[in-house]
Amino acid sequence: MRARDEKYFEIIGKNVRHFRISRGLSQQSLAVLCDKIDRSKISDIENAKEDFMMSTLLEICEGLEISLNEVIQDHGDSFYSTMGRNSSDN
């Protein structure tokens, strides 16, 4: 991934984690809801460690029952502060 794109991947990762946790899903539970996506891929996306295809992001949105807009929008720090502190795979 290009350095100039890192902030976008970080925003998407924070949003995936936020919506996953707010729905009470573990990374594994979300992976089960998504076609052809495993837990490690979800972890990589949440931690902005890896580039991914649009189809992967759309599949995650479907699993989380959210729109693409919700997952790409920067909601601001206060939005994310509702997440648990130890939430890497909650």
Protein backbone atom coordinates (compact mmCIF):
# COMPACT_ATOMS: atom_id res chain seq x y z
CA MET A 1 0.00 0.00 0.00
CA ARG A 2 1.23 3.47 -0.77
CA ALA A 3 2.15 5.77 2.11
CA ARG A 4 -0.25 8.42 0.82
CA ASP A 5 -3.14 5.95 1.16
CA GLU A 6 -2.36 4.79 4.71
CA LYS A 7 -4.73 7.23 6.41
CA TYR A 8 -7.65 5.91 4.35
CA PHE A 9 -6.84 2.32 5.25
CA GLU A 10 -6.58 3.34 8.91
CA ILE A 11 -10.03 4.99 8.78
CA ILE A 12 -11.57 1.95 7.13
CA GLY A 13 -9.90 -0.36 9.66
CA LYS A 14 -11.16 1.69 12.62
CA ASN A 15 -14.66 1.66 11.18
CA VAL A 16 -14.70 -2.08 10.54
CA ARG A 17 -13.52 -2.69 14.12
CA HIS A 18 -16.02 -0.21 15.57
CA PHE A 19 -19.04 -1.63 13.77
CA ARG A 20 -17.94 -5.23 14.41
CA ILE A 21 -17.56 -4.64 18.15
CA SER A 22 -20.78 -2.59 18.36
CA ARG A 23 -22.60 -5.63 16.94
CA GLY A 24 -20.96 -7.95 19.46
CA LEU A 25 -19.05 -9.88 16.81
CA SER A 26 -15.59 -11.38 17.06
CA GLN A 27 -13.34 -11.29 14.02
CA GLN A 28 -14.08 -14.99 13.54
CA SER A 29 -17.85 -14.43 13.74
CA LEU A 30 -17.63 -11.70 11.12
CA ALA A 31 -15.51 -13.93 8.90
CA VAL A 32 -18.24 -16.59 9.04
CA LEU A 33 -20.77 -13.99 7.85
CA CYS A 34 -18.53 -13.03 4.93
CA ASP A 35 -18.01 -15.17 1.86
CA LYS A 36 -14.36 -16.19 1.31
CA ILE A 37 -12.88 -13.89 3.97
CA ASP A 38 -11.00 -15.35 6.91
CA ARG A 39 -10.32 -13.98 10.38
CA SER A 40 -6.73 -13.03 9.59
CA LYS A 41 -7.85 -10.90 6.63
CA ILE A 42 -10.30 -9.04 8.87
CA SER A 43 -7.52 -8.49 11.40
CA ASP A 44 -5.21 -7.16 8.68
CA ILE A 45 -7.91 -4.75 7.47
CA GLU A 46 -8.72 -3.55 10.98
CA ASN A 47 -5.03 -2.89 11.64
CA ALA A 48 -4.41 -1.27 8.22
CA LYS A 49 -1.71 -3.83 7.48
CA GLU A 50 -2.82 -4.85 4.03
CA ASP A 51 -4.39 -3.54 0.86
CA PHE A 52 -7.65 -5.22 -0.15
CA MET A 53 -10.07 -5.44 -3.04
CA MET A 54 -13.29 -3.46 -3.18
CA SER A 55 -15.26 -6.72 -3.32
CA THR A 56 -13.73 -7.70 0.05
CA LEU A 57 -14.81 -4.41 1.58
CA LEU A 58 -18.33 -4.76 0.15
CA GLU A 59 -18.57 -8.28 1.58
CA ILE A 60 -17.55 -6.99 5.03
CA CYS A 61 -20.14 -4.20 4.77
CA GLU A 62 -22.78 -6.79 3.97
CA GLY A 63 -21.71 -8.93 6.95
CA LEU A 64 -21.89 -5.90 9.24
CA GLU A 65 -25.14 -4.68 7.65
CA ILE A 66 -23.70 -1.24 6.96
CA SER A 67 -23.27 0.88 3.86
CA LEU A 68 -19.99 1.44 2.08
CA ASN A 69 -20.29 5.12 3.00
CA GLU A 70 -20.37 4.25 6.72
CA VAL A 71 -17.16 2.26 6.49
CA ILE A 72 -15.15 4.79 4.48
CA GLN A 73 -16.27 7.94 6.31
CA ASP A 74 -13.99 9.48 8.94
CA HIS A 75 -16.33 9.71 11.93
CA GLY A 76 -13.84 11.49 14.21
CA ASP A 77 -12.12 10.40 17.41
CA SER A 78 -15.17 10.68 19.68
CA PHE A 79 -16.96 8.09 17.55
CA TYR A 80 -14.21 5.54 18.16
CA SER A 81 -13.80 6.29 21.86
CA THR A 82 -16.85 4.14 22.57
CA MET A 83 -14.82 1.03 21.71
CA GLY A 84 -13.37 -1.12 24.47
CA ARG A 85 -9.71 -0.67 25.24
CA ASN A 86 -8.77 -4.32 24.80
CA SER A 87 -10.76 -5.06 21.68
CA SER A 88 -8.43 -6.59 19.12
CA ASP A 89 -10.64 -9.69 18.69
CA ASN A 90 -13.63 -9.12 20.94
